[in-house]
Amino acid sequence: MIKVEHVETWGFEHAIRGMRNPKNSWDRSDSDSSQIGENDLHLMQSLFKAGSEHRKYLRQIMVSMDITAPLYWWKEFDTYKVGTVADSCSTMHKIHAKEFTAEDFSFEHLNFASMGLLEKTISMLNFYRTQFLETKDKLYWWQMIQLLPTSYNQKRTVTLNYEVAYRITEQRSHHKLDEWHDFCEILQKNLPFFTEIIKK
């Protein structure tokens, strides 16, 4: 399971100005605040095809979004350290803030027996949560932290740039995790002009 909300993009105007600096071709720019012009899009596509050293403008187009995904997905997302910033909901500080339910986990591929194990785990997590809230004994907090499955869904607010978004779609579109397929599709559908720029 992966959920993406509150997608925002910015930086097109200064990225377009910057990409025209090397040849002083600002007078050929035909974009406005709401639309990329044909001349600018053509140059973006040409620079993109020329390679990463020529498409530096992609690093100046920024994206922010809220992503809710399981911890096993976040472990792989953390590969993308350069050009990204993330603030997460704190498992360390807030693991006991609410009762655990099945909806807190990604379980769409679990069979009947595995779902039974998850339900038992949730029951144990809630038992230790209650004990911790009543006693404040850190021993019970440790039980929650170390028992928590990697299918637990965590929310993070992430900022990245179009170069990182491109690398993700290039490297993860055919990954075995469904979450990567879904995330790549979300990027391609929700980032303005993204598919047009990276069209080969």
N, C-alpha and C. Protein backbone atom coordinates (compact mmCIF):
# COMPACT_ATOMS: atom_id res chain seq x y z
N MET A 1 0.85 -1.19 0.00
CA MET A 1 0.00 0.00 0.00
C MET A 1 0.88 1.24 0.00
N ILE A 2 0.53 2.18 -0.85
CA ILE A 2 1.21 3.47 -0.82
C ILE A 2 0.16 4.54 -1.14
N LYS A 3 0.24 5.64 -0.41
CA LYS A 3 -0.68 6.75 -0.62
C LYS A 3 0.14 8.03 -0.74
N VAL A 4 -0.15 8.83 -1.77
CA VAL A 4 0.56 10.09 -1.98
C VAL A 4 -0.47 11.21 -1.99
N GLU A 5 -0.21 12.24 -1.19
CA GLU A 5 -1.13 13.37 -1.06
C GLU A 5 -0.36 14.69 -1.11
N HIS A 6 -1.08 15.77 -1.36
CA HIS A 6 -0.54 17.14 -1.27
C HIS A 6 0.70 17.33 -2.13
N VAL A 7 0.61 16.92 -3.40
CA VAL A 7 1.75 17.09 -4.32
C VAL A 7 1.83 18.56 -4.74
N GLU A 8 3.00 19.15 -4.55
CA GLU A 8 3.24 20.53 -4.97
C GLU A 8 4.53 20.58 -5.78
N THR A 9 4.54 21.39 -6.83
CA THR A 9 5.77 21.58 -7.62
C THR A 9 6.05 23.07 -7.76
N TRP A 10 7.31 23.42 -7.85
CA TRP A 10 7.71 24.81 -8.06
C TRP A 10 9.12 24.86 -8.64
N GLY A 11 9.46 26.01 -9.19
CA GLY A 11 10.83 26.21 -9.69
C GLY A 11 10.97 26.23 -11.20
N PHE A 12 9.85 26.09 -11.93
CA PHE A 12 9.97 26.06 -13.39
C PHE A 12 10.56 27.35 -13.96
N GLU A 13 10.12 28.50 -13.42
CA GLU A 13 10.57 29.77 -14.00
C GLU A 13 12.07 29.95 -13.87
N HIS A 14 12.61 29.73 -12.67
CA HIS A 14 14.06 29.93 -12.54
C HIS A 14 14.85 28.81 -13.21
N ALA A 15 14.27 27.59 -13.28
CA ALA A 15 14.96 26.50 -13.98
C ALA A 15 15.08 26.81 -15.48
N ILE A 16 14.01 27.37 -16.04
CA ILE A 16 14.03 27.71 -17.47
C ILE A 16 15.01 28.85 -17.74
N ARG A 17 15.02 29.87 -16.87
CA ARG A 17 16.00 30.95 -17.04
C ARG A 17 17.42 30.40 -16.98
N GLY A 18 17.65 29.53 -16.00
CA GLY A 18 18.99 28.96 -15.82
C GLY A 18 19.44 28.11 -16.98
N MET A 19 18.53 27.32 -17.54
CA MET A 19 18.95 26.42 -18.64
C MET A 19 19.30 27.23 -19.90
N ARG A 20 18.82 28.47 -19.98
CA ARG A 20 19.12 29.31 -21.14
C ARG A 20 20.38 30.16 -20.92
N ASN A 21 20.94 30.15 -19.73
CA ASN A 21 22.14 30.93 -19.45
C ASN A 21 23.35 30.56 -20.31
N PRO A 22 23.64 29.25 -20.50
CA PRO A 22 24.87 28.92 -21.24
C PRO A 22 24.97 29.54 -22.63
N LYS A 23 23.84 29.71 -23.31
CA LYS A 23 23.90 30.29 -24.67
C LYS A 23 23.23 31.67 -24.73
N ASN A 24 22.99 32.26 -23.56
CA ASN A 24 22.37 33.60 -23.51
C ASN A 24 21.11 33.69 -24.39
N SER A 25 20.30 32.65 -24.33
CA SER A 25 19.16 32.56 -25.25
C SER A 25 17.83 32.90 -24.58
N TRP A 26 17.87 33.80 -23.60
CA TRP A 26 16.65 34.13 -22.86
C TRP A 26 15.56 34.69 -23.77
N ASP A 27 15.97 35.38 -24.84
CA ASP A 27 14.97 35.99 -25.73
C ASP A 27 14.14 34.95 -26.48
N ARG A 28 14.60 33.68 -26.49
CA ARG A 28 13.86 32.61 -27.18
C ARG A 28 12.87 31.91 -26.24
N SER A 29 12.90 32.29 -24.96
CA SER A 29 11.98 31.67 -23.99
C SER A 29 10.55 32.09 -24.30
N ASP A 30 9.64 31.11 -24.27
CA ASP A 30 8.24 31.40 -24.59
C ASP A 30 7.27 30.84 -23.55
N SER A 31 7.77 30.64 -22.33
CA SER A 31 6.92 30.13 -21.25
C SER A 31 6.33 31.30 -20.46
N ASP A 32 5.23 31.02 -19.77
CA ASP A 32 4.69 31.98 -18.81
C ASP A 32 4.47 31.26 -17.49
N SER A 33 3.86 31.92 -16.54
CA SER A 33 3.74 31.35 -15.19
C SER A 33 2.87 30.10 -15.12
N SER A 34 2.07 29.84 -16.16
CA SER A 34 1.17 28.69 -16.11
C SER A 34 1.45 27.63 -17.18
N GLN A 35 2.36 27.93 -18.08
CA GLN A 35 2.56 27.02 -19.21
C GLN A 35 3.99 27.08 -19.70
N ILE A 36 4.53 25.89 -20.03
CA ILE A 36 5.84 25.83 -20.68
C ILE A 36 5.62 25.99 -22.17
N GLY A 37 6.36 26.94 -22.77
CA GLY A 37 6.23 27.19 -24.20
C GLY A 37 6.91 26.11 -25.03
N GLU A 38 6.58 26.09 -26.31
CA GLU A 38 7.12 25.07 -27.21
C GLU A 38 8.64 25.15 -27.33
N ASN A 39 9.18 26.38 -27.43
CA ASN A 39 10.64 26.54 -27.53
C ASN A 39 11.35 26.01 -26.29
N ASP A 40 10.81 26.38 -25.12
CA ASP A 40 11.44 25.95 -23.87
C ASP A 40 11.33 24.43 -23.68
N LEU A 41 10.18 23.86 -24.03
CA LEU A 41 10.01 22.41 -23.90
C LEU A 41 10.96 21.68 -24.83
N HIS A 42 11.13 22.19 -26.02
CA HIS A 42 12.05 21.56 -26.97
C HIS A 42 13.48 21.58 -26.42
N LEU A 43 13.90 22.72 -25.85
CA LEU A 43 15.24 22.80 -25.27
C LEU A 43 15.37 21.86 -24.08
N MET A 44 14.34 21.80 -23.23
CA MET A 44 14.36 20.88 -22.09
C MET A 44 14.56 19.44 -22.56
N GLN A 45 13.84 19.04 -23.59
CA GLN A 45 13.94 17.67 -24.11
C GLN A 45 15.32 17.41 -24.70
N SER A 46 15.85 18.40 -25.42
CA SER A 46 17.19 18.24 -26.03
C SER A 46 18.26 18.10 -24.96
N LEU A 47 18.20 18.95 -23.93
CA LEU A 47 19.18 18.88 -22.85
C LEU A 47 19.02 17.58 -22.06
N PHE A 48 17.78 17.14 -21.88
CA PHE A 48 17.56 15.87 -21.17
C PHE A 48 18.23 14.73 -21.92
N LYS A 49 18.05 14.68 -23.23
CA LYS A 49 18.63 13.60 -24.04
C LYS A 49 20.15 13.68 -24.06
N ALA A 50 20.71 14.87 -23.85
CA ALA A 50 22.17 15.05 -23.89
C ALA A 50 22.87 14.48 -22.66
N GLY A 51 22.13 14.16 -21.61
CA GLY A 51 22.73 13.54 -20.43
C GLY A 51 22.63 14.39 -19.18
N SER A 52 22.96 13.76 -18.05
CA SER A 52 22.74 14.41 -16.74
C SER A 52 23.55 15.68 -16.57
N GLU A 53 24.73 15.78 -17.20
CA GLU A 53 25.54 16.99 -17.05
C GLU A 53 24.92 18.18 -17.78
N HIS A 54 24.03 17.92 -18.73
CA HIS A 54 23.39 18.99 -19.49
C HIS A 54 21.98 19.33 -18.98
N ARG A 55 21.40 18.43 -18.21
CA ARG A 55 20.02 18.65 -17.74
C ARG A 55 19.98 19.11 -16.29
N LYS A 56 20.91 19.98 -15.93
CA LYS A 56 20.97 20.47 -14.54
C LYS A 56 19.69 21.18 -14.12
N TYR A 57 18.95 21.72 -15.10
CA TYR A 57 17.70 22.42 -14.77
C TYR A 57 16.71 21.51 -14.04
N LEU A 58 16.79 20.18 -14.29
CA LEU A 58 15.88 19.26 -13.60
C LEU A 58 16.07 19.32 -12.08
N ARG A 59 17.30 19.61 -11.66
CA ARG A 59 17.59 19.66 -10.22
C ARG A 59 17.02 20.91 -9.57
N GLN A 60 16.55 21.87 -10.39
CA GLN A 60 15.99 23.10 -9.85
C GLN A 60 14.46 23.11 -9.84
N ILE A 61 13.85 22.07 -10.39
CA ILE A 61 12.39 21.93 -10.33
C ILE A 61 12.07 21.02 -9.15
N MET A 62 11.37 21.56 -8.17
CA MET A 62 11.19 20.88 -6.89
C MET A 62 9.78 20.30 -6.76
N VAL A 63 9.70 19.23 -5.97
CA VAL A 63 8.43 18.55 -5.68
C VAL A 63 8.36 18.28 -4.19
N SER A 64 7.18 18.52 -3.61
CA SER A 64 6.93 18.13 -2.22
C SER A 64 5.65 17.31 -2.19
N MET A 65 5.60 16.31 -1.33
CA MET A 65 4.42 15.45 -1.22
C MET A 65 4.42 14.73 0.12
N ASP A 66 3.24 14.33 0.54
CA ASP A 66 3.10 13.46 1.71
C ASP A 66 2.94 12.03 1.21
N ILE A 67 3.78 11.14 1.72
CA ILE A 67 3.74 9.73 1.32
C ILE A 67 3.49 8.88 2.55
N THR A 68 2.50 8.01 2.47
CA THR A 68 2.26 7.00 3.50
C THR A 68 2.58 5.65 2.88
N ALA A 69 3.54 4.94 3.46
CA ALA A 69 3.99 3.68 2.88
C ALA A 69 4.57 2.79 4.00
N PRO A 70 4.66 1.49 3.76
CA PRO A 70 5.20 0.58 4.77
C PRO A 70 6.71 0.79 4.98
N LEU A 71 7.16 0.43 6.17
CA LEU A 71 8.58 0.60 6.49
C LEU A 71 9.48 -0.15 5.53
N TYR A 72 9.03 -1.31 5.01
CA TYR A 72 9.89 -2.05 4.07
C TYR A 72 10.10 -1.27 2.78
N TRP A 73 9.13 -0.42 2.39
CA TRP A 73 9.31 0.43 1.21
C TRP A 73 10.23 1.61 1.54
N TRP A 74 10.03 2.20 2.72
CA TRP A 74 10.86 3.35 3.10
C TRP A 74 12.33 2.97 3.18
N LYS A 75 12.65 1.73 3.55
CA LYS A 75 14.05 1.30 3.60
C LYS A 75 14.70 1.42 2.22
N GLU A 76 13.94 1.12 1.19
CA GLU A 76 14.47 1.24 -0.17
C GLU A 76 14.47 2.68 -0.65
N PHE A 77 13.42 3.43 -0.30
CA PHE A 77 13.38 4.84 -0.70
C PHE A 77 14.58 5.60 -0.13
N ASP A 78 15.05 5.21 1.03
CA ASP A 78 16.17 5.91 1.67
C ASP A 78 17.47 5.78 0.89
N THR A 79 17.47 4.96 -0.17
CA THR A 79 18.61 4.94 -1.09
C THR A 79 18.81 6.30 -1.73
N TYR A 80 17.69 7.02 -1.95
CA TYR A 80 17.73 8.30 -2.65
C TYR A 80 17.99 9.42 -1.65
N LYS A 81 19.24 9.57 -1.27
CA LYS A 81 19.63 10.54 -0.25
C LYS A 81 19.99 11.90 -0.84
N VAL A 82 20.61 11.90 -2.04
CA VAL A 82 21.05 13.15 -2.64
C VAL A 82 19.85 13.84 -3.27
N GLY A 83 19.64 15.10 -2.92
CA GLY A 83 18.55 15.86 -3.51
C GLY A 83 17.19 15.57 -2.90
N THR A 84 17.16 14.95 -1.73
CA THR A 84 15.88 14.69 -1.05
C THR A 84 15.93 15.15 0.40
N VAL A 85 14.77 15.52 0.93
CA VAL A 85 14.61 15.86 2.35
C VAL A 85 13.32 15.21 2.80
N ALA A 86 13.30 14.66 4.01
CA ALA A 86 12.07 14.03 4.51
C ALA A 86 11.90 14.26 6.00
N ASP A 87 10.67 14.56 6.39
CA ASP A 87 10.27 14.62 7.79
C ASP A 87 9.21 13.55 8.01
N SER A 88 9.46 12.65 8.97
CA SER A 88 8.54 11.54 9.16
C SER A 88 7.77 11.67 10.47
N CYS A 89 6.63 10.99 10.49
CA CYS A 89 5.94 10.81 11.77
C CYS A 89 6.86 9.95 12.63
N SER A 90 7.02 10.28 13.88
CA SER A 90 8.02 9.64 14.73
C SER A 90 7.49 8.36 15.35
N THR A 91 8.10 7.24 14.95
CA THR A 91 7.78 5.97 15.59
C THR A 91 8.31 5.95 17.02
N MET A 92 9.48 6.53 17.22
CA MET A 92 10.10 6.52 18.55
C MET A 92 9.23 7.25 19.59
N HIS A 93 8.70 8.40 19.19
CA HIS A 93 7.98 9.24 20.15
C HIS A 93 6.48 8.99 20.18
N LYS A 94 5.92 8.50 19.06
CA LYS A 94 4.45 8.44 18.95
C LYS A 94 3.90 7.03 18.74
N ILE A 95 4.73 6.01 18.90
CA ILE A 95 4.26 4.65 18.65
C ILE A 95 3.07 4.28 19.55
N HIS A 96 3.00 4.88 20.72
CA HIS A 96 1.93 4.55 21.68
C HIS A 96 0.75 5.53 21.59
N ALA A 97 0.77 6.45 20.65
CA ALA A 97 -0.21 7.55 20.64
C ALA A 97 -1.63 7.07 20.34
N LYS A 98 -1.77 6.00 19.57
CA LYS A 98 -3.10 5.47 19.25
C LYS A 98 -3.09 3.95 19.26
N GLU A 99 -4.24 3.41 19.40
CA GLU A 99 -4.38 1.95 19.35
C GLU A 99 -4.04 1.45 17.95
N PHE A 100 -3.35 0.32 17.87
CA PHE A 100 -3.01 -0.29 16.59
C PHE A 100 -4.23 -0.96 15.98
N THR A 101 -4.40 -0.78 14.67
CA THR A 101 -5.45 -1.48 13.94
C THR A 101 -4.84 -2.06 12.67
N ALA A 102 -5.56 -2.94 12.01
CA ALA A 102 -5.07 -3.56 10.77
C ALA A 102 -4.77 -2.51 9.70
N GLU A 103 -5.53 -1.40 9.71
CA GLU A 103 -5.34 -0.36 8.71
C GLU A 103 -4.00 0.37 8.86
N ASP A 104 -3.31 0.17 9.97
CA ASP A 104 -1.98 0.77 10.16
C ASP A 104 -0.90 0.00 9.41
N PHE A 105 -1.26 -1.10 8.76
CA PHE A 105 -0.30 -1.99 8.13
C PHE A 105 -0.67 -2.24 6.67
N SER A 106 0.35 -2.60 5.87
CA SER A 106 0.10 -3.05 4.50
C SER A 106 -0.01 -4.57 4.54
N PHE A 107 -1.17 -5.08 4.16
CA PHE A 107 -1.40 -6.53 4.30
C PHE A 107 -2.09 -7.14 3.07
N GLU A 108 -2.11 -6.41 1.95
CA GLU A 108 -2.91 -6.85 0.80
C GLU A 108 -2.46 -8.18 0.20
N HIS A 109 -1.22 -8.61 0.46
CA HIS A 109 -0.75 -9.88 -0.11
C HIS A 109 -0.69 -11.01 0.93
N LEU A 110 -1.14 -10.76 2.15
CA LEU A 110 -1.09 -11.80 3.17
C LEU A 110 -2.19 -12.83 2.94
N ASN A 111 -1.83 -14.11 3.11
CA ASN A 111 -2.85 -15.15 3.03
C ASN A 111 -3.56 -15.28 4.39
N PHE A 112 -4.48 -16.20 4.48
CA PHE A 112 -5.32 -16.33 5.67
C PHE A 112 -4.48 -16.57 6.93
N ALA A 113 -3.51 -17.50 6.83
CA ALA A 113 -2.68 -17.83 8.00
C ALA A 113 -1.82 -16.64 8.42
N SER A 114 -1.23 -15.95 7.44
CA SER A 114 -0.38 -14.80 7.75
C SER A 114 -1.19 -13.65 8.32
N MET A 115 -2.42 -13.50 7.83
CA MET A 115 -3.29 -12.44 8.37
C MET A 115 -3.60 -12.72 9.84
N GLY A 116 -3.76 -14.01 10.17
CA GLY A 116 -3.97 -14.39 11.57
C GLY A 116 -2.79 -14.01 12.44
N LEU A 117 -1.57 -14.21 11.92
CA LEU A 117 -0.36 -13.82 12.66
C LEU A 117 -0.29 -12.31 12.86
N LEU A 118 -0.65 -11.55 11.80
CA LEU A 118 -0.66 -10.09 11.93
C LEU A 118 -1.65 -9.66 13.00
N GLU A 119 -2.83 -10.26 13.00
CA GLU A 119 -3.83 -9.90 14.00
C GLU A 119 -3.35 -10.20 15.42
N LYS A 120 -2.64 -11.33 15.60
CA LYS A 120 -2.06 -11.65 16.91
C LYS A 120 -0.99 -10.63 17.29
N THR A 121 -0.19 -10.22 16.29
CA THR A 121 0.85 -9.21 16.55
C THR A 121 0.22 -7.89 16.96
N ILE A 122 -0.84 -7.50 16.28
CA ILE A 122 -1.55 -6.25 16.62
C ILE A 122 -2.10 -6.34 18.03
N SER A 123 -2.64 -7.50 18.38
CA SER A 123 -3.17 -7.69 19.74
C SER A 123 -2.07 -7.54 20.78
N MET A 124 -0.89 -8.12 20.50
CA MET A 124 0.24 -8.01 21.43
C MET A 124 0.73 -6.56 21.51
N LEU A 125 0.81 -5.89 20.38
CA LEU A 125 1.23 -4.48 20.37
C LEU A 125 0.28 -3.64 21.23
N ASN A 126 -1.01 -3.89 21.12
CA ASN A 126 -1.98 -3.14 21.91
C ASN A 126 -1.90 -3.49 23.39
N PHE A 127 -1.57 -4.74 23.70
CA PHE A 127 -1.37 -5.12 25.10
C PHE A 127 -0.20 -4.35 25.69
N TYR A 128 0.93 -4.33 24.98
CA TYR A 128 2.11 -3.62 25.49
C TYR A 128 1.88 -2.11 25.52
N ARG A 129 1.10 -1.60 24.58
CA ARG A 129 0.76 -0.18 24.59
C ARG A 129 -0.01 0.18 25.86
N THR A 130 -0.99 -0.63 26.19
CA THR A 130 -1.78 -0.39 27.41
C THR A 130 -0.89 -0.45 28.64
N GLN A 131 -0.01 -1.45 28.68
CA GLN A 131 0.90 -1.58 29.83
C GLN A 131 1.82 -0.37 29.94
N PHE A 132 2.31 0.09 28.80
CA PHE A 132 3.20 1.25 28.81
C PHE A 132 2.45 2.50 29.28
N LEU A 133 1.24 2.72 28.78
CA LEU A 133 0.47 3.89 29.16
C LEU A 133 0.14 3.89 30.66
N GLU A 134 -0.09 2.70 31.19
CA GLU A 134 -0.44 2.59 32.61
C GLU A 134 0.76 2.71 33.53
N THR A 135 1.90 2.18 33.10
CA THR A 135 3.06 2.10 34.01
C THR A 135 4.21 3.05 33.65
N LYS A 136 4.25 3.48 32.37
CA LYS A 136 5.38 4.26 31.84
C LYS A 136 6.69 3.48 31.91
N ASP A 137 6.62 2.19 32.05
CA ASP A 137 7.80 1.33 32.10
C ASP A 137 8.34 1.16 30.68
N LYS A 138 9.58 1.54 30.46
CA LYS A 138 10.17 1.52 29.12
C LYS A 138 10.29 0.09 28.57
N LEU A 139 10.26 -0.89 29.43
CA LEU A 139 10.30 -2.28 28.98
C LEU A 139 9.17 -2.55 28.00
N TYR A 140 7.97 -2.01 28.28
CA TYR A 140 6.82 -2.23 27.40
C TYR A 140 6.98 -1.44 26.10
N TRP A 141 7.59 -0.27 26.17
CA TRP A 141 7.87 0.50 24.95
C TRP A 141 8.79 -0.29 24.04
N TRP A 142 9.81 -0.92 24.63
CA TRP A 142 10.73 -1.74 23.83
C TRP A 142 10.00 -2.89 23.14
N GLN A 143 9.03 -3.47 23.79
CA GLN A 143 8.29 -4.57 23.17
C GLN A 143 7.59 -4.08 21.90
N MET A 144 7.01 -2.88 21.95
CA MET A 144 6.36 -2.34 20.77
C MET A 144 7.37 -2.04 19.66
N ILE A 145 8.47 -1.39 20.01
CA ILE A 145 9.47 -1.00 19.02
C ILE A 145 10.07 -2.21 18.31
N GLN A 146 10.40 -3.25 19.09
CA GLN A 146 11.09 -4.39 18.49
C GLN A 146 10.14 -5.43 17.90
N LEU A 147 8.88 -5.36 18.24
CA LEU A 147 7.89 -6.28 17.68
C LEU A 147 7.23 -5.72 16.42
N LEU A 148 7.35 -4.41 16.20
CA LEU A 148 6.65 -3.75 15.11
C LEU A 148 7.08 -4.30 13.75
N PRO A 149 6.14 -4.83 12.94
CA PRO A 149 6.51 -5.38 11.63
C PRO A 149 6.91 -4.29 10.63
N THR A 150 7.67 -4.67 9.62
CA THR A 150 8.06 -3.70 8.59
C THR A 150 6.87 -3.36 7.68
N SER A 151 5.76 -4.04 7.85
CA SER A 151 4.56 -3.69 7.08
C SER A 151 3.82 -2.50 7.70
N TYR A 152 4.33 -1.97 8.82
CA TYR A 152 3.73 -0.80 9.46
C TYR A 152 3.86 0.41 8.54
N ASN A 153 2.75 1.12 8.34
CA ASN A 153 2.74 2.28 7.44
C ASN A 153 3.18 3.55 8.17
N GLN A 154 4.13 4.24 7.57
CA GLN A 154 4.63 5.50 8.12
C GLN A 154 4.41 6.62 7.13
N LYS A 155 4.05 7.78 7.64
CA LYS A 155 3.84 8.96 6.80
C LYS A 155 5.06 9.87 6.88
N ARG A 156 5.50 10.33 5.70
CA ARG A 156 6.59 11.30 5.64
C ARG A 156 6.23 12.39 4.64
N THR A 157 6.67 13.60 4.93
CA THR A 157 6.60 14.69 3.96
C THR A 157 7.96 14.76 3.28
N VAL A 158 7.96 14.57 1.97
CA VAL A 158 9.20 14.42 1.21
C VAL A 158 9.35 15.55 0.20
N THR A 159 10.56 16.09 0.09
CA THR A 159 10.89 17.05 -0.95
C THR A 159 12.01 16.48 -1.80
N LEU A 160 11.83 16.51 -3.10
CA LEU A 160 12.85 16.02 -4.03
C LEU A 160 12.78 16.87 -5.30
N ASN A 161 13.66 16.60 -6.23
CA ASN A 161 13.63 17.36 -7.47
C ASN A 161 13.32 16.44 -8.66
N TYR A 162 13.14 17.04 -9.82
CA TYR A 162 12.75 16.26 -11.00
C TYR A 162 13.83 15.27 -11.42
N GLU A 163 15.08 15.56 -11.18
CA GLU A 163 16.14 14.60 -11.51
C GLU A 163 15.98 13.34 -10.68
N VAL A 164 15.73 13.51 -9.38
CA VAL A 164 15.51 12.35 -8.51
C VAL A 164 14.26 11.60 -8.94
N ALA A 165 13.19 12.34 -9.26
CA ALA A 165 11.95 11.70 -9.72
C ALA A 165 12.21 10.87 -10.98
N TYR A 166 13.02 11.41 -11.89
CA TYR A 166 13.35 10.66 -13.10
C TYR A 166 14.13 9.40 -12.76
N ARG A 167 15.13 9.52 -11.89
CA ARG A 167 15.94 8.35 -11.52
C ARG A 167 15.06 7.26 -10.90
N ILE A 168 14.11 7.67 -10.06
CA ILE A 168 13.20 6.71 -9.44
C ILE A 168 12.40 5.97 -10.51
N THR A 169 11.81 6.72 -11.45
CA THR A 169 10.99 6.06 -12.47
C THR A 169 11.84 5.17 -13.38
N GLU A 170 13.08 5.57 -13.61
CA GLU A 170 13.97 4.78 -14.46
C GLU A 170 14.39 3.49 -13.76
N GLN A 171 14.68 3.57 -12.46
CA GLN A 171 15.24 2.43 -11.74
C GLN A 171 14.21 1.52 -11.08
N ARG A 172 13.01 2.05 -10.81
CA ARG A 172 12.07 1.29 -9.99
C ARG A 172 10.77 0.89 -10.68
N SER A 173 10.57 1.29 -11.91
CA SER A 173 9.30 1.00 -12.59
C SER A 173 8.99 -0.49 -12.69
N HIS A 174 10.03 -1.32 -12.73
CA HIS A 174 9.83 -2.77 -12.88
C HIS A 174 10.24 -3.54 -11.62
N HIS A 175 10.24 -2.87 -10.50
CA HIS A 175 10.61 -3.49 -9.23
C HIS A 175 9.57 -4.50 -8.79
N LYS A 176 9.98 -5.47 -7.98
CA LYS A 176 9.04 -6.51 -7.56
C LYS A 176 7.99 -6.00 -6.57
N LEU A 177 8.24 -4.88 -5.88
CA LEU A 177 7.25 -4.33 -4.96
C LEU A 177 6.19 -3.53 -5.71
N ASP A 178 4.94 -3.83 -5.45
CA ASP A 178 3.84 -3.08 -6.07
C ASP A 178 3.92 -1.59 -5.75
N GLU A 179 4.38 -1.28 -4.54
CA GLU A 179 4.45 0.12 -4.12
C GLU A 179 5.32 0.95 -5.07
N TRP A 180 6.40 0.36 -5.59
CA TRP A 180 7.25 1.11 -6.52
C TRP A 180 6.53 1.35 -7.84
N HIS A 181 5.82 0.34 -8.34
CA HIS A 181 5.06 0.53 -9.59
C HIS A 181 4.06 1.66 -9.41
N ASP A 182 3.33 1.60 -8.29
CA ASP A 182 2.30 2.62 -8.03
C ASP A 182 2.92 4.01 -7.88
N PHE A 183 4.04 4.09 -7.17
CA PHE A 183 4.69 5.39 -6.95
C PHE A 183 5.19 5.98 -8.26
N CYS A 184 5.78 5.16 -9.12
CA CYS A 184 6.25 5.65 -10.42
C CYS A 184 5.09 6.17 -11.25
N GLU A 185 3.98 5.47 -11.24
CA GLU A 185 2.79 5.92 -11.98
C GLU A 185 2.27 7.24 -11.41
N ILE A 186 2.28 7.37 -10.10
CA ILE A 186 1.83 8.60 -9.46
C ILE A 186 2.71 9.77 -9.87
N LEU A 187 4.03 9.56 -9.88
CA LEU A 187 4.95 10.62 -10.31
C LEU A 187 4.65 11.04 -11.74
N GLN A 188 4.49 10.07 -12.62
CA GLN A 188 4.28 10.39 -14.03
C GLN A 188 2.95 11.10 -14.26
N LYS A 189 1.95 10.81 -13.44
CA LYS A 189 0.63 11.42 -13.63
C LYS A 189 0.49 12.78 -12.96
N ASN A 190 1.25 13.02 -11.88
CA ASN A 190 1.01 14.19 -11.05
C ASN A 190 2.06 15.29 -11.13
N LEU A 191 3.18 15.04 -11.81
CA LEU A 191 4.20 16.07 -11.92
C LEU A 191 4.03 16.80 -13.25
N PRO A 192 3.75 18.10 -13.24
CA PRO A 192 3.51 18.84 -14.47
C PRO A 192 4.66 18.73 -15.46
N PHE A 193 4.34 18.38 -16.70
CA PHE A 193 5.28 18.32 -17.82
C PHE A 193 6.36 17.25 -17.66
N PHE A 194 6.26 16.42 -16.62
CA PHE A 194 7.31 15.44 -16.35
C PHE A 194 7.48 14.45 -17.51
N THR A 195 6.38 13.84 -17.94
CA THR A 195 6.49 12.85 -19.00
C THR A 195 6.91 13.48 -20.32
N GLU A 196 6.51 14.74 -20.56
CA GLU A 196 6.91 15.42 -21.80
C GLU A 196 8.41 15.70 -21.80
N ILE A 197 8.94 16.10 -20.64
CA ILE A 197 10.37 16.44 -20.56
C ILE A 197 11.24 15.20 -20.76
N ILE A 198 10.88 14.09 -20.11
CA ILE A 198 11.75 12.91 -20.14
C ILE A 198 11.44 11.99 -21.32
N LYS A 199 10.57 12.43 -22.21
CA LYS A 199 10.22 11.63 -23.39
C LYS A 199 11.46 11.43 -24.25
N LYS A 200 11.74 10.17 -24.59
CA LYS A 200 12.96 9.90 -25.37
C LYS A 200 12.61 9.60 -26.83
